[in-house]
Amino acid sequence: MNFVTVIGLVAGGLTTFAMLPQLIKILKTKSTKDISLLLFIMAFLGVILWLVYGFLINDVPVMVGNGISLLLVGSVLILKLKYDGN
């Protein structure tokens, strides 16, 4: 594995799992009042487009990474809507 591949894998891993700390915090505190709804709507739509792009070019790493991201961002978005509605 060359250096460029390692950089790509690390970057992909970091961006894929970037939402995990926020999701964990929301689950612990049951609060989403300090996070932006617009940010997560935009992130959700962006990840969907990346996932579609991955399918169109048949790029498995793009599909897998963004599939995971979609689950994480979608979970945060659902919790944001749930807790802000209370």
N, C-alpha and C. Protein backbone atom coordinates (compact mmCIF):
# COMPACT_ATOMS: atom_id res chain seq x y z
N MET A 1 0.85 -1.17 0.00
CA MET A 1 0.00 0.00 0.00
C MET A 1 0.90 1.24 0.00
N ASN A 2 0.65 2.13 -0.95
CA ASN A 2 1.50 3.31 -1.04
C ASN A 2 0.96 4.47 -0.19
N PHE A 3 1.76 5.50 -0.08
CA PHE A 3 1.45 6.65 0.78
C PHE A 3 0.14 7.33 0.37
N VAL A 4 -0.07 7.48 -0.91
CA VAL A 4 -1.28 8.15 -1.40
C VAL A 4 -2.53 7.36 -1.00
N THR A 5 -2.47 6.05 -1.11
CA THR A 5 -3.59 5.20 -0.70
C THR A 5 -3.86 5.33 0.79
N VAL A 6 -2.80 5.36 1.59
CA VAL A 6 -2.95 5.51 3.04
C VAL A 6 -3.61 6.84 3.37
N ILE A 7 -3.17 7.91 2.72
CA ILE A 7 -3.79 9.23 2.93
C ILE A 7 -5.28 9.17 2.59
N GLY A 8 -5.62 8.55 1.48
CA GLY A 8 -7.03 8.43 1.09
C GLY A 8 -7.85 7.62 2.08
N LEU A 9 -7.28 6.53 2.58
CA LEU A 9 -8.00 5.70 3.55
C LEU A 9 -8.20 6.42 4.88
N VAL A 10 -7.18 7.12 5.35
CA VAL A 10 -7.29 7.86 6.61
C VAL A 10 -8.31 8.99 6.45
N ALA A 11 -8.22 9.74 5.36
CA ALA A 11 -9.17 10.84 5.12
C ALA A 11 -10.60 10.31 5.03
N GLY A 12 -10.79 9.22 4.31
CA GLY A 12 -12.12 8.63 4.19
C GLY A 12 -12.66 8.15 5.52
N GLY A 13 -11.80 7.52 6.31
CA GLY A 13 -12.21 7.04 7.63
C GLY A 13 -12.60 8.17 8.57
N LEU A 14 -11.79 9.23 8.56
CA LEU A 14 -12.08 10.37 9.44
C LEU A 14 -13.39 11.05 9.06
N THR A 15 -13.60 11.28 7.77
CA THR A 15 -14.84 11.96 7.37
C THR A 15 -16.06 11.05 7.52
N THR A 16 -15.88 9.75 7.31
CA THR A 16 -16.99 8.81 7.47
C THR A 16 -17.49 8.78 8.91
N PHE A 17 -16.56 8.75 9.84
CA PHE A 17 -16.95 8.60 11.25
C PHE A 17 -16.96 9.92 12.03
N ALA A 18 -16.89 11.05 11.32
CA ALA A 18 -16.87 12.36 11.98
C ALA A 18 -18.14 12.65 12.78
N MET A 19 -19.26 12.08 12.39
CA MET A 19 -20.52 12.33 13.08
C MET A 19 -20.71 11.46 14.32
N LEU A 20 -19.89 10.44 14.47
CA LEU A 20 -20.06 9.51 15.57
C LEU A 20 -19.99 10.17 16.95
N PRO A 21 -19.02 11.07 17.21
CA PRO A 21 -19.00 11.72 18.54
C PRO A 21 -20.27 12.54 18.81
N GLN A 22 -20.80 13.21 17.79
CA GLN A 22 -22.03 13.98 17.98
C GLN A 22 -23.20 13.06 18.28
N LEU A 23 -23.28 11.96 17.57
CA LEU A 23 -24.35 10.99 17.80
C LEU A 23 -24.29 10.42 19.21
N ILE A 24 -23.11 10.08 19.67
CA ILE A 24 -22.94 9.56 21.03
C ILE A 24 -23.35 10.60 22.06
N LYS A 25 -22.95 11.86 21.85
CA LYS A 25 -23.31 12.92 22.79
C LYS A 25 -24.83 13.11 22.85
N ILE A 26 -25.47 13.08 21.71
CA ILE A 26 -26.93 13.24 21.68
C ILE A 26 -27.61 12.09 22.42
N LEU A 27 -27.14 10.88 22.19
CA LEU A 27 -27.73 9.72 22.86
C LEU A 27 -27.56 9.79 24.37
N LYS A 28 -26.42 10.32 24.82
CA LYS A 28 -26.17 10.44 26.27
C LYS A 28 -26.98 11.56 26.91
N THR A 29 -27.04 12.71 26.24
CA THR A 29 -27.67 13.89 26.84
C THR A 29 -29.14 14.04 26.48
N LYS A 30 -29.58 13.36 25.43
CA LYS A 30 -30.96 13.50 24.93
C LYS A 30 -31.28 14.95 24.57
N SER A 31 -30.26 15.66 24.10
CA SER A 31 -30.43 17.07 23.75
C SER A 31 -29.77 17.36 22.40
N THR A 32 -30.48 18.14 21.58
CA THR A 32 -29.93 18.58 20.29
C THR A 32 -30.07 20.08 20.12
N LYS A 33 -30.33 20.79 21.21
CA LYS A 33 -30.64 22.22 21.09
C LYS A 33 -29.49 23.06 20.55
N ASP A 34 -28.27 22.61 20.71
CA ASP A 34 -27.12 23.42 20.30
C ASP A 34 -26.54 23.02 18.95
N ILE A 35 -27.23 22.17 18.19
CA ILE A 35 -26.72 21.82 16.88
C ILE A 35 -27.66 22.36 15.80
N SER A 36 -27.08 22.65 14.65
CA SER A 36 -27.81 23.28 13.56
C SER A 36 -28.57 22.25 12.72
N LEU A 37 -29.87 22.45 12.58
CA LEU A 37 -30.68 21.58 11.73
C LEU A 37 -30.23 21.70 10.28
N LEU A 38 -29.98 22.92 9.82
CA LEU A 38 -29.58 23.14 8.44
C LEU A 38 -28.27 22.41 8.11
N LEU A 39 -27.33 22.41 9.02
CA LEU A 39 -26.06 21.70 8.82
C LEU A 39 -26.32 20.23 8.53
N PHE A 40 -27.18 19.60 9.32
CA PHE A 40 -27.41 18.17 9.16
C PHE A 40 -28.28 17.85 7.96
N ILE A 41 -29.17 18.76 7.58
CA ILE A 41 -29.94 18.57 6.34
C ILE A 41 -28.99 18.63 5.14
N MET A 42 -28.10 19.62 5.14
CA MET A 42 -27.14 19.75 4.04
C MET A 42 -26.18 18.56 4.00
N ALA A 43 -25.70 18.13 5.15
CA ALA A 43 -24.80 16.97 5.20
C ALA A 43 -25.51 15.72 4.69
N PHE A 44 -26.76 15.53 5.10
CA PHE A 44 -27.54 14.37 4.68
C PHE A 44 -27.71 14.35 3.16
N LEU A 45 -28.09 15.49 2.59
CA LEU A 45 -28.27 15.57 1.14
C LEU A 45 -26.95 15.38 0.41
N GLY A 46 -25.87 15.95 0.94
CA GLY A 46 -24.55 15.78 0.34
C GLY A 46 -24.11 14.33 0.34
N VAL A 47 -24.33 13.64 1.44
CA VAL A 47 -23.95 12.23 1.54
C VAL A 47 -24.78 11.38 0.57
N ILE A 48 -26.06 11.70 0.43
CA ILE A 48 -26.89 10.98 -0.55
C ILE A 48 -26.31 11.15 -1.95
N LEU A 49 -25.93 12.37 -2.29
CA LEU A 49 -25.36 12.61 -3.62
C LEU A 49 -24.03 11.87 -3.81
N TRP A 50 -23.18 11.84 -2.77
CA TRP A 50 -21.93 11.08 -2.84
C TRP A 50 -22.22 9.60 -3.03
N LEU A 51 -23.24 9.09 -2.37
CA LEU A 51 -23.61 7.68 -2.50
C LEU A 51 -24.09 7.38 -3.92
N VAL A 52 -24.92 8.24 -4.47
CA VAL A 52 -25.38 8.09 -5.85
C VAL A 52 -24.18 8.13 -6.80
N TYR A 53 -23.29 9.07 -6.58
CA TYR A 53 -22.07 9.18 -7.39
C TYR A 53 -21.27 7.88 -7.33
N GLY A 54 -21.10 7.33 -6.14
CA GLY A 54 -20.37 6.07 -5.99
C GLY A 54 -21.01 4.94 -6.79
N PHE A 55 -22.34 4.87 -6.77
CA PHE A 55 -23.03 3.85 -7.56
C PHE A 55 -22.85 4.10 -9.06
N LEU A 56 -22.93 5.36 -9.48
CA LEU A 56 -22.81 5.68 -10.90
C LEU A 56 -21.44 5.34 -11.46
N ILE A 57 -20.40 5.52 -10.66
CA ILE A 57 -19.05 5.20 -11.14
C ILE A 57 -18.59 3.82 -10.66
N ASN A 58 -19.47 3.12 -9.96
CA ASN A 58 -19.19 1.77 -9.45
C ASN A 58 -17.93 1.74 -8.58
N ASP A 59 -17.86 2.66 -7.63
CA ASP A 59 -16.71 2.78 -6.72
C ASP A 59 -17.12 2.29 -5.34
N VAL A 60 -16.72 1.07 -5.01
CA VAL A 60 -17.15 0.45 -3.76
C VAL A 60 -16.71 1.24 -2.53
N PRO A 61 -15.46 1.71 -2.43
CA PRO A 61 -15.09 2.49 -1.24
C PRO A 61 -15.95 3.74 -1.04
N VAL A 62 -16.29 4.42 -2.12
CA VAL A 62 -17.15 5.60 -2.02
C VAL A 62 -18.55 5.19 -1.55
N MET A 63 -19.04 4.08 -2.07
CA MET A 63 -20.37 3.60 -1.67
C MET A 63 -20.39 3.18 -0.20
N VAL A 64 -19.39 2.44 0.24
CA VAL A 64 -19.36 1.96 1.62
C VAL A 64 -19.20 3.12 2.60
N GLY A 65 -18.23 3.98 2.34
CA GLY A 65 -17.99 5.11 3.23
C GLY A 65 -19.20 6.01 3.36
N ASN A 66 -19.83 6.29 2.25
CA ASN A 66 -20.98 7.18 2.29
C ASN A 66 -22.24 6.47 2.76
N GLY A 67 -22.30 5.17 2.60
CA GLY A 67 -23.40 4.41 3.19
C GLY A 67 -23.36 4.49 4.71
N ILE A 68 -22.16 4.33 5.26
CA ILE A 68 -21.99 4.46 6.72
C ILE A 68 -22.29 5.89 7.15
N SER A 69 -21.77 6.86 6.40
CA SER A 69 -22.03 8.27 6.72
C SER A 69 -23.52 8.58 6.69
N LEU A 70 -24.23 8.00 5.73
CA LEU A 70 -25.67 8.23 5.63
C LEU A 70 -26.39 7.74 6.89
N LEU A 71 -25.99 6.60 7.40
CA LEU A 71 -26.59 6.08 8.63
C LEU A 71 -26.30 6.99 9.82
N LEU A 72 -25.06 7.46 9.93
CA LEU A 72 -24.69 8.31 11.06
C LEU A 72 -25.36 9.68 10.98
N VAL A 73 -25.25 10.32 9.82
CA VAL A 73 -25.85 11.65 9.66
C VAL A 73 -27.37 11.55 9.75
N GLY A 74 -27.94 10.52 9.15
CA GLY A 74 -29.38 10.31 9.24
C GLY A 74 -29.85 10.11 10.66
N SER A 75 -29.07 9.38 11.44
CA SER A 75 -29.43 9.17 12.86
C SER A 75 -29.42 10.48 13.63
N VAL A 76 -28.39 11.29 13.41
CA VAL A 76 -28.32 12.60 14.08
C VAL A 76 -29.50 13.46 13.65
N LEU A 77 -29.81 13.46 12.37
CA LEU A 77 -30.92 14.27 11.86
C LEU A 77 -32.26 13.82 12.46
N ILE A 78 -32.48 12.53 12.53
CA ILE A 78 -33.72 12.00 13.13
C ILE A 78 -33.81 12.40 14.60
N LEU A 79 -32.71 12.26 15.32
CA LEU A 79 -32.72 12.64 16.74
C LEU A 79 -32.91 14.14 16.91
N LYS A 80 -32.34 14.94 16.02
CA LYS A 80 -32.53 16.39 16.06
C LYS A 80 -34.01 16.71 15.92
N LEU A 81 -34.66 16.10 14.96
CA LEU A 81 -36.09 16.34 14.75
C LEU A 81 -36.91 15.83 15.92
N LYS A 82 -36.54 14.69 16.47
CA LYS A 82 -37.26 14.12 17.61
C LYS A 82 -37.15 15.00 18.85
N TYR A 83 -35.93 15.36 19.22
CA TYR A 83 -35.73 16.10 20.47
C TYR A 83 -36.14 17.56 20.36
N ASP A 84 -36.04 18.15 19.17
CA ASP A 84 -36.49 19.53 19.01
C ASP A 84 -38.01 19.61 19.01
N GLY A 85 -38.68 18.51 18.70
CA GLY A 85 -40.14 18.48 18.68
C GLY A 85 -40.74 18.40 20.07
N ASN A 86 -39.93 18.06 21.07
CA ASN A 86 -40.44 17.93 22.45
C ASN A 86 -40.44 19.25 23.18
